[in-house]
């Protein structure tokens, strides 16, 4: 048997062995599905701080790089070895200060709004009932019907409070230990995430060099260049999308704040800061964000004035059109390159797969996938001399 035959036999045997091993692994996974799920949950818990830290480091790396350039230019040469440390500390302090100021503005407003809402609902419901009955004078049958509805509603609320709400509250009180444990776990993950974030920001250049070395160690030079080019494109897409979206949301929130302040003077708007923060933060969510933020904001305004609520909804509709057709495309131009249909498709698909996180990351991830498919199609058409198909 010659060398070529032995090589073919080896490849055939190896393929058969790998197929059998894969089948055994798949059978084991099916048989041990519950144990595998628990192992994955454990692994998820272990890696959660690294996910937090990696996400924070990725979001802060661009401002950190910008500050590093400015600090390096400003420092004397003998102190430039501290440039990275100073830039990381500065960006973390600025981030913490912004979060503190935001929470300091929002939390008191939110508490006041909840208290106002809880106090306003019963009298508003009573006013609504009296308004309905007053407009039905002369029609005794409808009055009796409406009174029966409100009586039944009152009885249902009382029954719900005694049979459902109280047992639920008792169960919640019984689960205080579990709740406290969950809160402590989240706090632990956040603290570890911040520490990991600091390490990643401090060593981001070294990590990039190590990653590049691994790519060229495993792949040929031409293939490694293509892989690194693809990673640069992915990074550019994500940074462009999130940077542009955050700036876009900040501008939308500022516009909403100016409108609410004007309406506070003109029409007695309330909760201007809270409403503006809600609109700005939810605007980060592509496509559905403005509508998600408009619902609780409109409810807060409706409690005080239905007429103001209608004015606010009209303003939000105009603001959403301005953001979707003028401001958003201007700030996000070239960052994703997707049409409205594919943006909606990406949000729907990734929301189903990953929940709320999928809504945030779905558009840039799908933009990368779409670009890979597009380039593959273009290369295939060029190979078969059919490039003119795209121009038809």
Protein backbone atom coordinates (compact mmCIF):
# COMPACT_ATOMS: atom_id res chain seq x y z
CA UNK A 1 0.00 0.00 0.00
CA UNK A 2 1.52 3.30 -1.13
CA UNK A 3 1.74 6.56 0.81
CA UNK A 4 -1.26 8.17 -0.93
CA UNK A 5 -3.51 5.20 -0.08
CA UNK A 6 -2.40 5.29 3.55
CA UNK A 7 -3.19 8.99 3.70
CA UNK A 8 -6.70 8.44 2.29
CA UNK A 9 -7.27 5.55 4.73
CA UNK A 10 -6.13 7.70 7.65
CA UNK A 11 -8.42 10.57 6.66
CA UNK A 12 -11.35 8.18 6.18
CA UNK A 13 -10.73 6.52 9.57
CA UNK A 14 -10.35 9.86 11.30
CA UNK A 15 -13.63 11.12 9.79
CA UNK A 16 -15.42 7.98 10.94
CA UNK A 17 -13.96 8.27 14.44
CA UNK A 18 -14.92 11.94 14.76
CA UNK A 19 -18.46 11.20 13.53
CA UNK A 20 -18.84 8.40 16.08
CA UNK A 21 -17.39 10.59 18.87
CA UNK A 22 -19.79 13.41 17.96
CA UNK A 23 -22.75 11.01 18.03
CA UNK A 24 -21.69 9.73 21.48
CA UNK A 25 -21.32 13.27 22.80
CA UNK A 26 -24.74 14.23 21.42
CA UNK A 27 -26.34 11.12 23.00
CA UNK A 28 -24.67 11.92 26.33
CA UNK A 29 -25.94 15.53 26.18
CA UNK A 30 -29.50 14.34 25.52
CA UNK A 31 -29.37 11.79 28.35
CA UNK A 32 -27.83 14.28 30.78
CA UNK A 33 -29.80 17.33 29.64
CA UNK A 34 -30.78 18.41 33.18
CA UNK A 35 -27.25 18.03 34.53
CA UNK A 36 -25.89 19.87 31.50
CA UNK A 37 -28.36 22.69 32.07
CA UNK A 38 -27.26 22.99 35.71
CA UNK A 39 -23.61 23.00 34.64
CA UNK A 40 -24.31 25.78 32.14
CA UNK A 41 -26.13 27.75 34.86
CA UNK A 42 -23.13 27.35 37.13
CA UNK A 43 -20.78 28.41 34.33
CA UNK A 44 -23.04 31.42 33.61
CA UNK A 45 -22.84 32.47 37.27
CA UNK A 46 -19.04 32.16 37.24
CA UNK A 47 -18.63 34.15 34.01
CA UNK A 48 -21.20 36.87 34.81
CA UNK A 49 -18.64 39.27 36.41
CA UNK A 50 -16.42 38.87 33.33
CA UNK A 51 -19.39 39.69 31.08
CA UNK A 52 -20.12 42.81 33.18
CA UNK A 53 -16.48 43.84 33.19
CA UNK A 54 -15.96 43.16 29.48
CA UNK A 55 -19.07 45.14 28.56
CA UNK A 56 -18.06 48.11 30.71
CA UNK A 57 -14.49 48.02 29.37
CA UNK A 58 -15.70 47.91 25.76
CA UNK A 59 -18.03 50.86 26.27
CA UNK A 60 -15.29 52.89 28.01
CA UNK A 61 -12.35 52.04 25.76
CA UNK A 62 -13.11 54.76 23.21
CA UNK A 63 -13.32 57.67 25.71
CA UNK A 64 -10.36 56.15 27.56
CA UNK A 65 -8.29 56.18 24.37
CA UNK A 66 -9.32 59.76 23.66
CA UNK A 67 -8.32 60.90 27.17
CA UNK A 68 -5.07 58.99 26.94
CA UNK A 69 -4.05 60.92 23.83
CA UNK A 70 -4.90 64.27 25.44
CA UNK A 71 -3.14 63.43 28.73
CA UNK A 72 -0.03 62.15 26.95
CA UNK A 73 0.20 65.37 24.93
CA UNK A 74 -0.19 67.48 28.08
CA UNK A 75 2.25 65.62 30.38
CA UNK A 76 6.03 66.11 30.42
CA UNK A 77 7.95 63.21 28.88
CA UNK A 78 9.18 61.76 32.20
CA UNK A 79 5.60 61.37 33.48
CA UNK A 80 4.11 59.82 30.34
CA UNK A 81 4.47 56.31 31.77
CA UNK A 82 1.48 57.18 33.99
CA UNK A 83 -0.71 58.14 31.01
CA UNK A 84 -2.72 54.90 30.93
CA UNK A 85 -3.35 54.93 34.69
CA UNK A 86 -4.49 58.56 34.63
CA UNK A 87 -6.78 58.02 31.64
CA UNK A 88 -8.42 54.96 33.22
CA UNK A 89 -8.92 56.69 36.58
CA UNK A 90 -10.29 59.81 34.88
CA UNK A 91 -12.80 57.94 32.71
CA UNK A 92 -14.00 55.87 35.69
CA UNK A 93 -14.43 58.97 37.88
CA UNK A 94 -16.33 60.79 35.14
CA UNK A 95 -18.57 57.74 34.55
CA UNK A 96 -19.30 57.34 38.26
CA UNK A 97 -20.05 61.06 38.58
CA UNK A 98 -22.45 60.98 35.61
CA UNK A 99 -24.28 57.94 37.02
CA UNK A 100 -24.53 59.60 40.45
CA UNK A 101 -25.91 62.84 39.00
CA UNK A 102 -28.39 60.92 36.86
CA UNK A 103 -29.65 58.84 39.79
CA UNK A 104 -29.72 61.93 42.01
CA UNK A 105 -32.04 63.61 39.50
CA UNK A 106 -34.21 60.60 38.69
CA UNK A 107 -34.79 58.78 42.00
CA UNK A 108 -36.41 61.70 43.92
CA UNK A 109 -38.57 62.48 40.89
CA UNK A 110 -39.56 58.82 40.60
CA UNK A 111 -40.47 58.55 44.29
CA UNK A 112 -42.57 61.72 44.11
CA UNK A 113 -44.28 60.49 40.93
CA UNK A 114 -45.16 57.12 42.48
CA UNK A 115 -46.55 58.80 45.61
CA UNK A 116 -48.53 61.27 43.49
CA UNK A 117 -49.79 58.50 41.25
CA UNK A 118 -50.89 56.35 44.19
CA UNK A 119 -52.70 59.32 45.78
CA UNK A 120 -54.31 60.48 42.51
CA UNK A 121 -55.72 57.20 41.21
CA UNK A 122 -58.64 56.71 43.69
CA UNK A 123 -60.07 60.27 43.37
CA UNK A 124 -59.55 60.22 39.60
CA UNK A 125 -61.40 56.90 39.38
CA UNK A 126 -64.20 58.34 41.51
CA UNK A 127 -64.36 61.46 39.32
CA UNK A 128 -64.51 59.29 36.23
CA UNK A 129 -67.36 57.24 37.69
CA UNK A 130 -69.30 60.39 38.62
CA UNK A 131 -68.67 61.85 35.16
CA UNK A 132 -70.02 58.71 33.49
CA UNK A 133 -73.11 58.62 35.70
CA UNK A 134 -73.79 62.36 35.19
CA UNK A 135 -73.79 61.89 31.40
CA UNK A 136 -76.30 59.07 31.69
CA UNK A 137 -79.01 61.07 33.45
CA UNK A 138 -82.42 60.22 32.08
CA UNK A 139 -81.41 56.68 31.15
CA UNK A 140 -82.04 54.66 34.30
CA UNK A 141 -81.21 51.31 32.70
CA UNK A 142 -77.71 52.41 31.66
CA UNK A 143 -77.14 54.08 35.04
CA UNK A 144 -77.98 50.84 36.83
CA UNK A 145 -75.73 48.93 34.45
CA UNK A 146 -72.76 51.26 35.04
CA UNK A 147 -73.35 51.24 38.82
CA UNK A 148 -73.31 47.45 38.75
CA UNK A 149 -70.01 47.51 36.86
CA UNK A 150 -68.37 49.83 39.41
CA UNK A 151 -69.81 47.80 42.30
CA UNK A 152 -68.48 44.58 40.82
CA UNK A 153 -65.12 46.24 40.20
CA UNK A 154 -64.94 47.41 43.80
CA UNK A 155 -65.83 43.92 45.02
CA UNK A 156 -63.23 42.36 42.73
CA UNK A 157 -60.54 44.73 44.02
CA UNK A 158 -61.45 43.96 47.63
CA UNK A 159 -61.44 40.22 46.93
CA UNK A 160 -58.12 40.49 45.08
CA UNK A 161 -56.56 42.43 47.96
CA UNK A 162 -57.61 39.87 50.60
CA UNK A 163 -57.18 36.60 48.68
CA UNK A 164 -54.33 37.35 46.26
CA UNK A 165 -52.37 40.40 47.34
CA UNK A 166 -51.98 39.58 51.04
CA UNK A 167 -50.83 35.96 50.48
CA UNK A 168 -48.43 37.20 47.83
CA UNK A 169 -47.00 39.80 50.20
CA UNK A 170 -46.66 37.12 52.90
CA UNK A 171 -44.81 34.93 50.43
CA UNK A 172 -42.55 37.82 49.54
CA UNK A 173 -41.81 38.43 53.19
CA UNK A 174 -40.96 34.75 53.53
CA UNK A 175 -38.55 35.08 50.63
CA UNK A 176 -36.67 38.05 52.06
CA UNK A 177 -33.56 35.93 52.65
CA UNK A 178 -33.55 34.81 49.02
CA UNK A 179 -34.11 38.37 47.81
CA UNK A 180 -31.27 39.72 49.96
CA UNK A 181 -29.03 36.91 48.70
CA UNK A 182 -29.88 37.78 45.08
CA UNK A 183 -29.16 41.47 45.68
CA UNK A 184 -25.82 40.64 47.31
CA UNK A 185 -24.95 38.38 44.35
CA UNK A 186 -25.70 41.18 41.90
CA UNK A 187 -23.64 43.66 43.93
CA UNK A 188 -20.76 41.17 44.11
CA UNK A 189 -20.89 40.69 40.32
CA UNK A 190 -20.93 44.45 39.75
CA UNK A 191 -17.95 45.05 42.07
CA UNK A 192 -15.98 42.21 40.44
CA UNK A 193 -17.05 43.52 37.04
CA UNK A 194 -15.63 46.98 37.85
CA UNK A 195 -12.33 45.41 38.96
CA UNK A 196 -12.19 43.32 35.77
CA UNK A 197 -13.04 46.43 33.75
CA UNK A 198 -10.07 48.27 35.26
CA UNK A 199 -7.70 45.38 34.43
CA UNK A 200 -9.00 45.20 30.85
CA UNK A 201 -8.69 48.95 30.30
CA UNK A 202 -5.18 49.00 31.75
CA UNK A 203 -4.01 46.07 29.64
CA UNK A 204 -6.12 46.56 26.49
CA UNK A 205 -3.09 47.26 24.25
CA UNK A 206 -1.19 44.21 25.50
CA UNK A 207 -4.29 42.03 25.10
CA UNK A 208 -4.71 43.29 21.54
CA UNK A 209 -1.09 42.39 20.74
CA UNK A 210 -1.51 38.93 22.27
CA UNK A 211 -4.67 38.32 20.27
CA UNK A 212 -2.95 39.41 17.08
CA UNK A 213 -0.01 37.09 17.85
CA UNK A 214 -2.36 34.13 18.35
CA UNK A 215 -4.12 34.81 15.03
CA UNK A 216 -0.86 34.91 13.08
CA UNK A 217 0.49 31.88 14.97
CA UNK A 218 -2.50 29.74 13.98
CA UNK A 219 -3.22 31.08 10.48
CA UNK A 220 -1.31 31.94 7.35
CA UNK A 221 -0.37 35.58 6.89
CA UNK A 222 -3.03 36.34 4.24
CA UNK A 223 -5.77 34.57 6.22
CA UNK A 224 -4.69 36.31 9.43
CA UNK A 225 -4.89 39.69 7.69
CA UNK A 226 -8.47 38.92 6.62
CA UNK A 227 -9.45 37.77 10.12
CA UNK A 228 -8.02 40.90 11.74
CA UNK A 229 -9.65 43.08 9.10
CA UNK A 230 -12.98 41.45 9.95
CA UNK A 231 -12.43 42.06 13.67
CA UNK A 232 -11.67 45.72 12.92
CA UNK A 233 -14.89 45.97 10.94
CA UNK A 234 -16.87 44.39 13.80
CA UNK A 235 -15.31 46.80 16.30
CA UNK A 236 -16.02 49.77 14.02
CA UNK A 237 -19.65 48.66 13.60
CA UNK A 238 -20.28 48.22 17.33
CA UNK A 239 -18.46 51.40 18.38
CA UNK A 240 -20.17 53.41 15.65
CA UNK A 241 -23.60 52.05 16.50
CA UNK A 242 -23.45 52.40 20.29
CA UNK A 243 -21.55 55.70 20.22
CA UNK A 244 -23.96 57.20 17.71
CA UNK A 245 -26.99 55.78 19.50
CA UNK A 246 -25.92 57.14 22.89
CA UNK A 247 -25.30 60.58 21.39
CA UNK A 248 -28.60 60.41 19.54
CA UNK A 249 -30.46 59.45 22.73
CA UNK A 250 -28.78 62.24 24.70
CA UNK A 251 -29.89 64.81 22.10
CA UNK A 252 -33.43 63.38 22.06
CA UNK A 253 -33.59 63.53 25.87
CA UNK A 254 -32.32 67.14 25.83
CA UNK A 255 -34.93 68.15 23.22
CA UNK A 256 -37.64 66.49 25.31
CA UNK A 257 -36.38 68.30 28.45
CA UNK A 258 -36.50 71.69 26.72
CA UNK A 259 -40.04 70.97 25.49
CA UNK A 260 -41.18 69.84 28.96
CA UNK A 261 -39.67 72.92 30.61
CA UNK A 262 -41.45 75.19 28.13
CA UNK A 263 -44.72 73.30 28.71
CA UNK A 264 -44.16 73.52 32.47
CA UNK A 265 -44.37 77.30 32.18
CA UNK A 266 -47.14 77.33 29.55
CA UNK A 267 -49.38 74.44 30.58
CA UNK A 268 -48.23 73.25 34.00
CA UNK A 269 -46.30 70.14 32.96
CA UNK A 270 -44.82 68.13 35.85
CA UNK A 271 -41.94 65.62 36.19
CA UNK A 272 -39.93 67.22 33.37
CA UNK A 273 -36.61 65.65 34.45
CA UNK A 274 -38.02 62.14 34.96
CA UNK A 275 -39.92 62.15 31.65
CA UNK A 276 -36.87 63.42 29.73
CA UNK A 277 -34.63 60.73 31.25
CA UNK A 278 -37.18 58.01 30.43
CA UNK A 279 -37.47 59.19 26.82
CA UNK A 280 -33.70 59.54 26.43
CA UNK A 281 -32.80 56.17 27.99
CA UNK A 282 -35.45 54.15 26.15
CA UNK A 283 -34.43 55.80 22.87
CA UNK A 284 -31.27 53.66 23.03
CA UNK A 285 -33.54 50.72 22.06
CA UNK A 286 -33.77 50.79 18.26
CA UNK A 287 -37.13 51.23 16.55
CA UNK A 288 -39.43 50.61 19.55
CA UNK A 289 -37.59 52.75 22.14
CA UNK A 290 -39.52 56.04 21.72
CA UNK A 291 -42.86 54.26 22.01
CA UNK A 292 -41.75 52.23 25.05
CA UNK A 293 -40.69 55.41 26.83
CA UNK A 294 -43.80 57.32 25.80
CA UNK A 295 -46.21 54.97 27.61
CA UNK A 296 -45.14 55.55 31.27
CA UNK A 297 -44.38 59.22 30.53
CA UNK A 298 -47.84 59.79 29.06
CA UNK A 299 -49.43 58.03 32.05
CA UNK A 300 -47.65 60.39 34.48
CA UNK A 301 -48.90 63.41 32.53
CA UNK A 302 -52.41 61.99 32.07
CA UNK A 303 -52.97 61.79 35.84
CA UNK A 304 -52.61 65.59 36.07
CA UNK A 305 -54.07 66.64 32.72
CA UNK A 306 -55.47 64.53 29.83
CA UNK A 307 -55.11 67.56 27.54
CA UNK A 308 -51.39 67.85 28.34
CA UNK A 309 -51.06 64.11 27.76
CA UNK A 310 -52.46 64.52 24.24
CA UNK A 311 -50.04 67.42 23.56
CA UNK A 312 -47.15 65.29 24.83
CA UNK A 313 -48.08 62.31 22.61
CA UNK A 314 -48.24 64.58 19.55
CA UNK A 315 -44.80 65.97 20.47
CA UNK A 316 -43.37 62.44 20.89
CA UNK A 317 -44.73 61.44 17.48
CA UNK A 318 -43.07 64.49 15.86
CA UNK A 319 -39.84 63.89 17.82
CA UNK A 320 -39.76 60.23 16.75
CA UNK A 321 -40.19 61.22 13.10
CA UNK A 322 -37.39 63.80 13.40
CA UNK A 323 -35.11 61.28 15.12
CA UNK A 324 -35.90 58.44 12.73
CA UNK A 325 -35.62 60.43 9.50
CA UNK A 326 -33.14 63.24 10.24
CA UNK A 327 -31.11 62.99 13.46
CA UNK A 328 -30.64 59.19 13.65
CA UNK A 329 -29.49 58.67 10.03
CA UNK A 330 -27.14 61.68 10.36
CA UNK A 331 -25.43 60.31 13.49
CA UNK A 332 -25.53 56.62 12.55
CA UNK A 333 -24.65 57.01 8.87
CA UNK A 334 -22.48 54.09 7.76
CA UNK A 335 -22.38 52.41 11.18
CA UNK A 336 -24.82 49.60 10.35
CA UNK A 337 -25.94 50.01 6.73
CA UNK A 338 -29.28 48.23 7.24
CA UNK A 339 -32.68 49.20 5.89
CA UNK A 340 -35.67 49.64 8.19
CA UNK A 341 -36.94 46.14 7.34
CA UNK A 342 -33.67 44.44 8.38
CA UNK A 343 -33.47 46.55 11.57
CA UNK A 344 -36.96 45.35 12.53
CA UNK A 345 -36.05 41.76 11.60
CA UNK A 346 -32.84 41.90 13.68
CA UNK A 347 -34.63 43.29 16.74
CA UNK A 348 -37.42 40.69 16.52
CA UNK A 349 -35.02 37.77 16.00
CA UNK A 350 -32.50 38.63 18.72
CA UNK A 351 -35.21 39.64 21.19
CA UNK A 352 -36.66 36.14 20.82
CA UNK A 353 -33.22 34.57 21.30
CA UNK A 354 -31.69 36.72 24.05
CA UNK A 355 -34.49 38.89 25.48
CA UNK A 356 -33.82 42.54 26.30
CA UNK A 357 -30.06 42.22 25.70
CA UNK A 358 -30.88 40.93 22.22
CA UNK A 359 -32.79 44.15 21.50
CA UNK A 360 -29.68 46.21 22.27
CA UNK A 361 -27.06 44.12 20.48
CA UNK A 362 -29.20 42.60 17.71
CA UNK A 363 -28.79 45.41 15.16
CA UNK A 364 -24.95 45.64 15.15
CA UNK A 365 -24.57 41.83 15.25
CA UNK A 366 -26.96 41.40 12.34
CA UNK A 367 -25.17 44.23 10.50
CA UNK A 368 -21.92 42.23 10.72
CA UNK A 369 -23.67 39.03 9.54
CA UNK A 370 -25.36 40.95 6.73
CA UNK A 371 -22.04 42.42 5.59
CA UNK A 372 -20.37 38.98 5.58
CA UNK A 373 -23.19 37.54 3.47
CA UNK A 374 -23.10 40.57 1.16
CA UNK A 375 -19.37 40.25 0.56
CA UNK A 376 -19.73 36.51 0.00
CA UNK A 377 -22.46 37.10 -2.57
CA UNK A 378 -20.40 39.78 -4.34
CA UNK A 379 -17.34 37.48 -4.45
CA UNK A 380 -19.46 34.58 -5.75
CA UNK A 381 -21.03 36.71 -8.49
CA UNK A 382 -17.61 38.01 -9.52
CA UNK A 383 -16.30 34.45 -9.68
CA UNK A 384 -19.14 33.42 -12.02
CA UNK A 385 -19.00 36.65 -14.06
CA UNK A 386 -22.49 37.70 -12.90
CA UNK A 387 -21.68 40.98 -11.11
CA UNK A 388 -24.15 42.78 -13.36
CA UNK A 389 -27.02 41.06 -11.48
CA UNK A 390 -26.65 43.55 -8.59
CA UNK A 391 -26.96 46.48 -11.00
CA UNK A 392 -30.26 45.34 -12.51
